Amino acid sequence: MMVTYMISPFLKIFSLNLTSLLFGFMLIPAFVDSKNT
């Protein structure tokens, strides 16, 4: 129980970083396309 309690904040930060990275990868092509046109 203590181990999961210690690891959970890291998992939260990791999942937040992962979702933000995926969101960034989705946004970058749209930004480049809007710049090109």
Protein backbone atom coordinates (compact mmCIF):
# COMPACT_ATOMS: atom_id res chain seq x y z
CA MET A 1 0.00 0.00 0.00
CA MET A 2 2.79 2.42 0.86
CA VAL A 3 4.58 1.61 -2.39
CA THR A 4 1.56 2.50 -4.51
CA TYR A 5 1.07 5.63 -2.41
CA MET A 6 4.65 6.68 -3.15
CA ILE A 7 4.43 5.84 -6.86
CA SER A 8 1.00 7.34 -7.61
CA PRO A 9 2.24 10.99 -7.83
CA PHE A 10 4.88 9.91 -10.33
CA LEU A 11 2.25 8.07 -12.34
CA LYS A 12 0.06 11.18 -12.29
CA ILE A 13 2.92 13.37 -13.52
CA PHE A 14 3.91 10.79 -16.13
CA SER A 15 0.35 10.45 -17.46
CA LEU A 16 -0.02 14.24 -17.58
CA ASN A 17 3.23 14.55 -19.51
CA LEU A 18 2.20 11.75 -21.85
CA THR A 19 -1.19 13.32 -22.62
CA SER A 20 0.40 16.74 -23.13
CA LEU A 21 2.96 15.19 -25.49
CA LEU A 22 0.21 13.47 -27.48
CA PHE A 23 -1.76 16.71 -27.58
CA GLY A 24 1.33 18.57 -28.76
CA PHE A 25 1.95 16.01 -31.50
CA MET A 26 -1.66 16.47 -32.61
CA LEU A 27 -1.37 20.27 -32.55
CA ILE A 28 2.01 20.66 -34.29
CA PRO A 29 0.90 19.36 -37.74
CA ALA A 30 -2.19 21.59 -37.66
CA PHE A 31 -0.01 24.58 -36.71
CA VAL A 32 2.43 23.83 -39.55
CA ASP A 33 -0.45 23.43 -42.02
CA SER A 34 -1.96 26.74 -40.95
CA LYS A 35 1.45 28.42 -41.34
CA ASN A 36 1.98 26.99 -44.81
CA THR A 37 -1.37 28.11 -46.20
